[in-house]
Each structure stands twice: as C-alpha cells, then as structure tokens.
Protein backbone atom coordinates (compact mmCIF):
# COMPACT_ATOMS: atom_id res chain seq x y z
CA ASN A 1 0.00 0.00 0.00
CA SER A 2 1.67 3.19 -1.18
CA ALA A 3 0.16 6.68 -1.43
CA GLY A 4 -3.28 5.25 -0.67
CA ILE A 5 -3.04 2.73 -3.54
CA THR A 6 -3.22 -0.97 -2.76
CA SER A 7 -1.30 -3.34 -5.04
CA ASN A 8 -2.03 -7.07 -5.00
CA PHE A 9 -0.11 -7.96 -8.16
CA ASN A 10 3.49 -8.47 -9.18
CA VAL A 11 5.44 -7.56 -12.30
CA TYR A 12 7.41 -10.46 -13.75
CA THR A 13 10.26 -9.96 -16.24
CA ALA A 14 13.09 -11.99 -17.62
CA ASN A 15 15.46 -10.38 -15.10
CA GLN A 16 14.81 -8.67 -11.79
CA GLY A 17 12.54 -5.64 -12.28
CA GLN A 18 10.58 -3.30 -10.10
CA PHE A 19 7.24 -1.54 -9.90
CA ARG A 20 7.16 1.42 -7.52
CA ASN A 21 4.97 4.36 -6.63
CA TYR A 22 6.58 7.77 -6.97
CA GLY A 23 4.30 10.49 -5.61
CA GLY A 24 1.18 8.69 -6.79
CA VAL A 25 2.64 7.72 -10.19
CA TRP A 26 3.40 4.03 -10.71
CA VAL A 27 6.64 3.47 -12.61
CA GLY A 28 7.84 0.08 -13.86
CA SER A 29 11.30 -1.03 -14.84
CA THR A 30 12.22 -4.43 -16.29
CA GLY A 31 15.83 -4.31 -15.17
CA GLN A 32 17.20 -4.84 -18.68
CA ALA A 33 17.15 -3.26 -22.13
CA GLY A 34 14.59 -4.88 -24.42
CA GLY A 35 12.76 -6.55 -21.58
CA ASP A 36 8.97 -6.83 -21.57
CA ALA A 37 6.73 -6.51 -18.52
CA GLN A 38 3.54 -8.30 -17.55
CA PHE A 39 0.77 -7.69 -15.05
CA ILE A 40 -0.18 -11.08 -13.65
CA LEU A 41 -3.14 -11.81 -11.35
CA ASN A 42 -3.52 -15.30 -9.92
CA SER A 43 -1.24 -16.77 -12.60
CA LYS A 44 -3.23 -15.05 -15.40
CA THR A 45 -1.53 -12.47 -17.59
CA VAL A 46 -3.87 -9.47 -17.64
CA MET A 47 -1.65 -7.07 -19.57
CA HIS A 48 1.60 -7.36 -21.48
CA LEU A 49 3.89 -4.37 -22.16
CA ASP A 50 6.30 -4.74 -25.08
CA GLU A 51 9.38 -2.62 -24.42
CA ALA A 52 10.84 -2.68 -27.94
CA ASP A 53 7.77 -1.36 -29.78
CA ALA A 54 5.90 0.24 -26.85
CA PHE A 55 2.95 -2.07 -27.64
CA VAL A 56 0.31 -3.00 -25.06
CA GLY A 57 -1.41 -6.37 -25.15
CA ILE A 58 -4.60 -7.27 -23.30
CA GLY A 59 -5.43 -10.94 -23.62
CA THR A 60 -2.20 -11.54 -25.53
CA THR A 61 1.52 -11.62 -24.73
CA THR A 62 2.49 -10.89 -28.35
CA PRO A 63 0.83 -7.54 -29.22
CA THR A 64 1.24 -6.46 -32.84
CA ARG A 65 -0.25 -2.98 -32.53
CA ARG A 66 -0.03 -0.05 -30.12
CA LEU A 67 -3.05 -1.53 -28.35
CA ASP A 68 -3.85 -5.16 -29.12
CA VAL A 69 -6.97 -6.55 -27.41
CA ARG A 70 -7.95 -10.19 -27.85
CA GLY A 71 -10.69 -12.29 -26.29
CA SER A 72 -12.50 -15.56 -26.78
CA GLY A 73 -16.03 -14.11 -26.53
CA ILE A 74 -18.14 -12.42 -29.19
CA VAL A 75 -17.28 -8.99 -27.77
CA SER A 76 -13.58 -8.33 -27.10
CA ALA A 77 -13.90 -4.74 -25.86
CA ASN A 78 -16.63 -2.49 -24.52
CA PHE A 79 -16.73 1.31 -24.33
CA GLU A 80 -19.51 2.77 -22.21
CA GLN A 81 -20.40 6.09 -20.63
CA SER A 82 -23.55 7.93 -19.64
CA GLY A 83 -24.96 10.50 -22.05
CA ASN A 84 -23.64 11.04 -25.57
CA HIS A 85 -20.85 8.68 -26.57
CA LEU A 86 -18.30 9.10 -29.36
CA VAL A 87 -15.13 7.18 -30.19
CA ASP A 88 -12.52 9.29 -32.00
CA LEU A 89 -10.26 7.81 -34.69
CA LYS A 90 -7.66 10.40 -35.65
CA GLY A 91 -4.97 10.32 -38.30
CA ASP A 92 -3.23 12.62 -40.75
CA GLY A 93 -2.58 10.09 -43.52
CA ALA A 94 -4.31 9.30 -46.81
CA TYR A 95 -6.61 6.73 -45.18
CA ASN A 96 -8.38 6.62 -41.82
CA GLY A 97 -10.78 3.83 -40.97
CA ILE A 98 -11.61 0.40 -39.63
CA ARG A 99 -10.63 -2.96 -41.11
CA LEU A 100 -12.65 -6.13 -40.45
CA TYR A 101 -11.04 -9.55 -40.52
CA ASP A 102 -12.28 -13.14 -40.68
CA GLY A 103 -9.60 -14.97 -38.75
CA GLY A 104 -6.36 -13.68 -40.25
CA ASN A 105 -7.95 -12.65 -43.56
CA HIS A 106 -8.96 -9.07 -44.26
CA LYS A 107 -12.50 -8.95 -45.67
CA VAL A 108 -13.90 -5.42 -45.69
CA SER A 109 -12.96 -1.89 -44.62
CA MET A 110 -14.74 1.33 -43.78
CA THR A 111 -12.32 4.08 -44.72
CA TYR A 112 -12.41 7.87 -44.93
CA ILE A 113 -10.29 9.29 -47.75
CA PRO A 114 -9.71 13.03 -47.08
CA ASP A 115 -8.48 13.88 -50.60
CA GLU A 116 -11.77 12.62 -52.10
CA ASN A 117 -14.11 13.53 -49.22
CA ASN A 118 -15.36 9.96 -49.45
CA LEU A 119 -16.37 7.54 -46.73
CA GLN A 120 -15.95 4.25 -48.55
CA PHE A 121 -16.88 0.64 -47.91
CA GLY A 122 -14.65 -1.73 -49.83
CA THR A 123 -12.67 -4.94 -49.93
CA THR A 124 -9.47 -3.06 -48.99
CA TRP A 125 -8.78 0.29 -47.36
CA ALA A 126 -7.39 2.00 -50.50
CA SER A 127 -9.00 3.63 -53.52
CA GLY A 128 -10.00 1.17 -56.24
CA SER A 129 -11.76 -1.35 -54.01
CA GLU A 130 -14.93 0.61 -53.36
CA ILE A 131 -18.30 -1.14 -53.08
CA MET A 132 -20.13 1.98 -51.88
CA VAL A 133 -19.06 5.55 -51.14
CA ILE A 134 -20.68 8.43 -49.29
CA ASN A 135 -19.34 11.80 -50.37
CA THR A 136 -19.29 13.99 -47.26
CA SER A 137 -19.14 17.19 -49.33
CA SER A 138 -22.03 16.63 -51.75
CA ARG A 139 -23.89 14.21 -49.43
CA ARG A 140 -24.37 11.83 -52.33
CA VAL A 141 -24.18 8.04 -52.30
CA GLY A 142 -22.44 6.07 -55.01
CA ILE A 143 -22.71 2.32 -55.62
CA GLY A 144 -20.27 1.15 -58.26
CA THR A 145 -18.90 4.68 -58.63
CA THR A 146 -16.64 6.92 -56.53
CA SER A 147 -18.03 10.17 -57.95
CA PRO A 148 -21.83 10.12 -57.53
CA SER A 149 -23.53 12.89 -59.53
CA GLN A 150 -26.96 12.48 -57.90
CA GLY A 151 -28.33 11.74 -54.45
CA LEU A 152 -28.10 8.04 -55.30
CA HIS A 153 -25.92 7.07 -58.25
CA VAL A 154 -25.73 3.38 -59.19
CA VAL A 155 -23.40 2.01 -61.85
CA ASP A 156 -23.40 -1.63 -62.95
CA SER A 157 -22.38 -3.58 -66.04
CA GLY A 158 -25.59 -5.60 -66.26
CA ALA A 159 -28.72 -4.83 -68.29
CA ILE A 160 -30.59 -4.25 -65.01
CA VAL A 161 -28.77 -1.68 -62.88
CA ALA A 162 -30.94 -1.86 -59.76
CA GLU A 163 -33.87 -3.89 -58.48
CA PHE A 164 -36.52 -2.92 -55.95
CA GLU A 165 -38.79 -5.65 -54.58
CA SER A 166 -41.89 -5.39 -52.42
CA SER A 167 -43.76 -8.11 -50.53
CA ASP A 168 -47.07 -6.48 -51.55
CA ASN A 169 -48.64 -8.68 -54.24
CA THR A 170 -51.17 -6.02 -55.29
CA ALA A 171 -48.75 -3.32 -56.46
CA SER A 172 -45.07 -2.43 -56.11
CA THR A 173 -44.20 1.16 -56.98
CA ILE A 174 -41.47 3.78 -56.66
CA ARG A 175 -42.62 7.27 -55.75
CA VAL A 176 -40.80 10.50 -56.64
CA THR A 177 -41.69 13.68 -54.72
CA ASN A 178 -40.44 17.25 -55.20
CA SER A 179 -39.90 19.91 -52.53
CA SER A 180 -43.49 21.16 -52.96
CA GLY A 181 -44.91 17.77 -52.07
CA ASN A 182 -46.05 16.90 -55.57
CA SER A 183 -45.42 13.26 -56.38
CA ALA A 184 -45.69 10.68 -59.11
CA TYR A 185 -45.05 6.97 -59.16
CA PHE A 186 -44.38 4.07 -61.45
CA GLY A 187 -44.28 0.38 -60.80
CA THR A 188 -46.07 -2.89 -61.31
CA ALA A 189 -49.63 -3.96 -60.63
CA GLY A 190 -49.79 -7.70 -61.13
CA THR A 191 -48.24 -8.27 -64.57
CA SER A 192 -48.91 -4.70 -65.73
CA LEU A 193 -46.93 -1.44 -65.67
CA THR A 194 -48.76 1.31 -63.78
CA LEU A 195 -48.13 5.08 -63.82
CA GLY A 196 -49.81 7.79 -61.82
CA ALA A 197 -49.62 10.96 -59.74
CA GLY A 198 -50.02 11.20 -55.98
CA ALA A 199 -50.94 8.02 -54.14
CA TYR A 200 -51.30 4.71 -55.95
CA SER A 201 -54.72 4.00 -57.43
CA SER A 202 -55.86 1.06 -59.53
CA ASN A 203 -57.66 3.58 -61.76
CA ASP A 204 -54.42 5.25 -62.92
CA LEU A 205 -52.67 4.53 -66.21
CA VAL A 206 -52.00 0.83 -66.64
CA ILE A 207 -50.01 -0.73 -69.45
CA THR A 208 -50.59 -4.44 -69.81
CA THR A 209 -47.37 -6.34 -70.41
CA ALA A 210 -48.83 -9.82 -70.81
C-alpha cells in the first residue's frame, strides 16, 4: 500500500525488475534493455507491455499494434459512458478507418479518404476497391462509382442496374416527390406497368405487359 493505492499484483520480467509508486505515479522497470513486462493476477496475464515497440497487449503476450486486445467471446472490448458517446479515430494520412477480418484474412474496410471527401466501404482500405461511397461534401451516395452525380448514383455492367422488390402482391411502386410535395409513381400492378400521380390507385394509367 503506497500513497493510498493498494497493489495485490506483481510484475514479472526476464530479469529482476521493479514496480514502484513515486508520488502517486506508478513506474515500472524491467531491469534490462529490451525486456517486456507483464501484469499477472492469480497466474493469469492481464496485460503485457512490449518494451521494444511500446505495444500494449490485453489478452495476448504478443501484441502487434499499439493496443492489441484479444478475447475468446463475441465482444472483445466495450466502451460505455452515460450520455452522448463518441469514439474518435484520428490520423493525418491518406486513409483513416476500420478494417474487419475473418480470422487472419482481411474482408472489408470502412475508410475515410480526405483527398476525395469519401467515406468508402470496400474490400481493402485504399481507392479502387470501393463497393459503396458516401461523399461527405455533396452528401451523395455512389454504388459502383466513386463520384456520384446524384443523391443516389448506381453504376453496374448488367442490363438491369438496380432492383426494388416489395412483398405487396397487389402493387409495387417507386414514388418520386419534389420539394413542394407533388409526387408521381411508377411500378407494377400484377403483370402490368402502372403510372400515376399522388398516391397509388388502380384507376391510374396501366399498361398491360402480358
């Protein structure tokens, strides 16, 4: 017990080390250059400090990043606070984002590219792998394109660029509305093409396709 802080753990290193309280600040020394340190509770390594790279491992004794957290459960880490909650990811490089892995294989990334003002979802973190982008300047969404020219811009090599499906067997329509509230729609009614203004009505223009 030092400076009102109770310590029930030891620091183990390859050679004799120490862990002391200096005016309320805990300072550890491994006793040798290049030596790592571990916090061990009841024979379980809680935290590993890598001296060479200044990496911290939680749940691992071989951290590969500045903070490397590993667990056997579905959730490896939890961040919680009362009120509004934000997690900041800061960087000054060409790419800033999150990479998702399946085992040791990288599968998908969510990356912000400052030079393009794009938040992209792709198979890698770099330009050229985009599946979908959100341009933070124009507030437009692009699927199959990195430079959307409309609110939603879809590019595909097939004869059918996009498909919209409804579980309503009576009619499936797409409605377009302007800023004044005026709207029109087009879609299918059974096997027929239907066109109209305002809300859908079976009395609007119907073009039989069968």
